[in-house]
Amino acid sequence: MFTALNKLLDIDNKIYIPKGKFFLISESNNDGSFVTHHFLSLYLKGGHNVCFIALVQSFTHYSSVAQKLGVNLTASTQNGKLIFVEGLKYAVQNMEIESSNEMPPGMQNNPYRGLTSR
């Protein structure tokens, strides 16, 4: 399946993997999560640095799928190849901060601490 997707996107994972690109994956009627998993594993297997902002699933979910694709997300995070941002977690924590007006432990370094929910 991923070979056909690479061909469709004109990606040869042995010769050419697009660098310095931003991929936004949007879906309307069909589940496109396989594309997300494909790009995540493709770039990490290629030795590239990845900043992944998860807005749908948890790290555990992505890690489980990545292991099936031959990628260890925990190791990639520990060796600095992957920065994994759990966007939904930060969004919920930020809403709690706004309602309580106090900074819970560990939130001082939250990159989204200044955002407000309206």
C-alpha atoms as a PDB file:
ATOM      1  CA  MET A   1       0.000   0.000   0.000  1.00  0.00           C
ATOM      2  CA  PHE A   2       2.726   2.518   0.927  1.00  0.00           C
ATOM      3  CA  THR A   3       4.647   1.772  -2.265  1.00  0.00           C
ATOM      4  CA  ALA A   4       1.620   2.846  -4.298  1.00  0.00           C
ATOM      5  CA  LEU A   5       1.196   5.960  -2.138  1.00  0.00           C
ATOM      6  CA  ASN A   6       4.868   6.881  -2.613  1.00  0.00           C
ATOM      7  CA  LYS A   7       4.485   6.482  -6.365  1.00  0.00           C
ATOM      8  CA  LEU A   8       1.359   8.647  -6.378  1.00  0.00           C
ATOM      9  CA  LEU A   9       3.154  11.373  -4.385  1.00  0.00           C
ATOM     10  CA  ASP A  10       6.336  10.992  -6.486  1.00  0.00           C
ATOM     11  CA  ILE A  11       8.418   9.976  -3.467  1.00  0.00           C
ATOM     12  CA  ASP A  12      11.226   7.457  -3.771  1.00  0.00           C
ATOM     13  CA  ASN A  13      12.086   6.691  -0.151  1.00  0.00           C
ATOM     14  CA  LYS A  14      15.529   5.400  -1.153  1.00  0.00           C
ATOM     15  CA  ILE A  15      16.520   8.443  -3.212  1.00  0.00           C
ATOM     16  CA  TYR A  16      14.189  11.366  -2.575  1.00  0.00           C
ATOM     17  CA  ILE A  17      12.269  12.220   0.559  1.00  0.00           C
ATOM     18  CA  PRO A  18      10.966  15.808   0.534  1.00  0.00           C
ATOM     19  CA  LYS A  19      12.833  17.923   3.114  1.00  0.00           C
ATOM     20  CA  GLY A  20      11.697  21.125   4.775  1.00  0.00           C
ATOM     21  CA  LYS A  21       8.069  20.431   3.947  1.00  0.00           C
ATOM     22  CA  PHE A  22       4.923  20.970   5.973  1.00  0.00           C
ATOM     23  CA  PHE A  23       2.214  18.382   5.442  1.00  0.00           C
ATOM     24  CA  LEU A  24      -1.350  19.076   6.510  1.00  0.00           C
ATOM     25  CA  ILE A  25      -3.540  16.034   6.210  1.00  0.00           C
ATOM     26  CA  SER A  26      -7.234  16.824   6.074  1.00  0.00           C
ATOM     27  CA  GLU A  27     -10.069  14.398   5.526  1.00  0.00           C
ATOM     28  CA  SER A  28     -13.766  14.779   4.870  1.00  0.00           C
ATOM     29  CA  ASN A  29     -15.511  11.444   4.394  1.00  0.00           C
ATOM     30  CA  ASN A  30     -12.802   8.791   4.586  1.00  0.00           C
ATOM     31  CA  ASP A  31     -10.282   8.039   7.315  1.00  0.00           C
ATOM     32  CA  GLY A  32      -6.896   9.299   6.155  1.00  0.00           C
ATOM     33  CA  SER A  33      -4.932   8.391   9.261  1.00  0.00           C
ATOM     34  CA  PHE A  34      -2.874   5.855   7.311  1.00  0.00           C
ATOM     35  CA  VAL A  35      -1.283   8.787   5.453  1.00  0.00           C
ATOM     36  CA  THR A  36      -0.244  10.328   8.777  1.00  0.00           C
ATOM     37  CA  HIS A  37       1.312   7.059   9.930  1.00  0.00           C
ATOM     38  CA  HIS A  38       3.009   6.651   6.555  1.00  0.00           C
ATOM     39  CA  PHE A  39       4.725  10.055   6.637  1.00  0.00           C
ATOM     40  CA  LEU A  40       5.706   9.704  10.284  1.00  0.00           C
ATOM     41  CA  SER A  41       7.385   6.338   9.692  1.00  0.00           C
ATOM     42  CA  LEU A  42       8.878   7.378   6.330  1.00  0.00           C
ATOM     43  CA  TYR A  43      10.690  10.390   7.740  1.00  0.00           C
ATOM     44  CA  LEU A  44      11.853   8.731  10.953  1.00  0.00           C
ATOM     45  CA  LYS A  45      13.144   5.682   9.059  1.00  0.00           C
ATOM     46  CA  GLY A  46      14.962   8.110   6.767  1.00  0.00           C
ATOM     47  CA  GLY A  47      16.774   9.608   9.763  1.00  0.00           C
ATOM     48  CA  HIS A  48      15.046  12.989   9.569  1.00  0.00           C
ATOM     49  CA  ASN A  49      14.004  15.186  12.487  1.00  0.00           C
ATOM     50  CA  VAL A  50      10.235  15.374  12.899  1.00  0.00           C
ATOM     51  CA  CYS A  51       7.994  17.725  14.859  1.00  0.00           C
ATOM     52  CA  PHE A  52       4.613  16.019  15.123  1.00  0.00           C
ATOM     53  CA  ILE A  53       1.590  17.851  16.529  1.00  0.00           C
ATOM     54  CA  ALA A  54      -1.045  15.281  17.429  1.00  0.00           C
ATOM     55  CA  LEU A  55      -4.574  16.630  17.453  1.00  0.00           C
ATOM     56  CA  VAL A  56      -6.492  13.370  17.155  1.00  0.00           C
ATOM     57  CA  GLN A  57      -4.801  10.529  19.044  1.00  0.00           C
ATOM     58  CA  SER A  58      -2.407  10.087  21.959  1.00  0.00           C
ATOM     59  CA  PHE A  59       1.303   9.285  21.843  1.00  0.00           C
ATOM     60  CA  THR A  60       0.473   5.717  22.891  1.00  0.00           C
ATOM     61  CA  HIS A  61      -1.738   5.235  19.834  1.00  0.00           C
ATOM     62  CA  TYR A  62       0.827   6.590  17.381  1.00  0.00           C
ATOM     63  CA  SER A  63       3.587   4.600  19.082  1.00  0.00           C
ATOM     64  CA  SER A  64       1.620   1.363  18.791  1.00  0.00           C
ATOM     65  CA  VAL A  65       0.970   1.844  15.074  1.00  0.00           C
ATOM     66  CA  ALA A  66       4.559   2.968  14.448  1.00  0.00           C
ATOM     67  CA  GLN A  67       5.903  -0.218  16.051  1.00  0.00           C
ATOM     68  CA  LYS A  68       3.888  -2.236  13.536  1.00  0.00           C
ATOM     69  CA  LEU A  69       5.589  -0.178  10.809  1.00  0.00           C
ATOM     70  CA  GLY A  70       9.042  -0.802  12.290  1.00  0.00           C
ATOM     71  CA  VAL A  71       9.579   2.542  14.066  1.00  0.00           C
ATOM     72  CA  ASN A  72      10.089   3.086  17.797  1.00  0.00           C
ATOM     73  CA  LEU A  73       8.618   6.502  18.670  1.00  0.00           C
ATOM     74  CA  THR A  74       9.844   6.363  22.263  1.00  0.00           C
ATOM     75  CA  ALA A  75      13.438   5.864  21.111  1.00  0.00           C
ATOM     76  CA  SER A  76      13.025   8.571  18.454  1.00  0.00           C
ATOM     77  CA  THR A  77      11.803  10.983  21.127  1.00  0.00           C
ATOM     78  CA  GLN A  78      14.648  10.104  23.481  1.00  0.00           C
ATOM     79  CA  ASN A  79      17.347  10.528  20.830  1.00  0.00           C
ATOM     80  CA  GLY A  80      15.943  13.882  19.697  1.00  0.00           C
ATOM     81  CA  LYS A  81      14.709  12.805  16.265  1.00  0.00           C
ATOM     82  CA  LEU A  82      11.050  13.307  17.198  1.00  0.00           C
ATOM     83  CA  ILE A  83       9.371  16.154  19.007  1.00  0.00           C
ATOM     84  CA  PHE A  84       5.879  14.943  19.841  1.00  0.00           C
ATOM     85  CA  VAL A  85       3.357  17.587  20.899  1.00  0.00           C
ATOM     86  CA  GLU A  86       0.071  16.298  22.287  1.00  0.00           C
ATOM     87  CA  GLY A  87      -2.045  19.220  21.122  1.00  0.00           C
ATOM     88  CA  LEU A  88      -5.326  18.043  22.622  1.00  0.00           C
ATOM     89  CA  LYS A  89      -3.741  17.554  26.038  1.00  0.00           C
ATOM     90  CA  TYR A  90      -2.358  21.100  25.986  1.00  0.00           C
ATOM     91  CA  ALA A  91      -5.661  22.510  24.758  1.00  0.00           C
ATOM     92  CA  VAL A  92      -7.571  20.910  27.633  1.00  0.00           C
ATOM     93  CA  GLN A  93      -4.957  22.001  30.179  1.00  0.00           C
ATOM     94  CA  ASN A  94      -5.105  25.539  28.806  1.00  0.00           C
ATOM     95  CA  MET A  95      -8.877  25.660  29.204  1.00  0.00           C
ATOM     96  CA  GLU A  96      -8.469  24.542  32.808  1.00  0.00           C
ATOM     97  CA  ILE A  97      -5.887  27.288  33.422  1.00  0.00           C
ATOM     98  CA  GLU A  98      -8.156  29.969  32.026  1.00  0.00           C
ATOM     99  CA  SER A  99     -11.055  28.880  34.212  1.00  0.00           C
ATOM    100  CA  SER A 100      -8.983  28.587  37.389  1.00  0.00           C
ATOM    101  CA  ASN A 101      -6.492  31.436  36.716  1.00  0.00           C
ATOM    102  CA  GLU A 102      -3.675  29.468  38.334  1.00  0.00           C
ATOM    103  CA  MET A 103      -0.722  27.640  36.806  1.00  0.00           C
ATOM    104  CA  PRO A 104      -0.735  23.891  37.606  1.00  0.00           C
ATOM    105  CA  PRO A 105       2.605  22.106  38.142  1.00  0.00           C
ATOM    106  CA  GLY A 106       4.439  21.411  34.908  1.00  0.00           C
ATOM    107  CA  MET A 107       2.516  23.986  32.896  1.00  0.00           C
ATOM    108  CA  GLN A 108       5.126  26.749  33.129  1.00  0.00           C
ATOM    109  CA  ASN A 109       6.860  25.354  30.023  1.00  0.00           C
ATOM    110  CA  ASN A 110       3.665  24.673  28.073  1.00  0.00           C
ATOM    111  CA  PRO A 111       4.106  26.364  24.673  1.00  0.00           C
ATOM    112  CA  TYR A 112       0.341  26.958  24.501  1.00  0.00           C
ATOM    113  CA  ARG A 113      -0.056  28.521  27.947  1.00  0.00           C
ATOM    114  CA  GLY A 114      -0.800  31.973  26.507  1.00  0.00           C
ATOM    115  CA  LEU A 115      -3.643  30.819  24.274  1.00  0.00           C
ATOM    116  CA  THR A 116      -7.204  31.297  25.388  1.00  0.00           C
ATOM    117  CA  SER A 117     -10.332  29.364  24.528  1.00  0.00           C
ATOM    118  CA  ARG A 118     -13.351  31.350  23.443  1.00  0.00           C
END
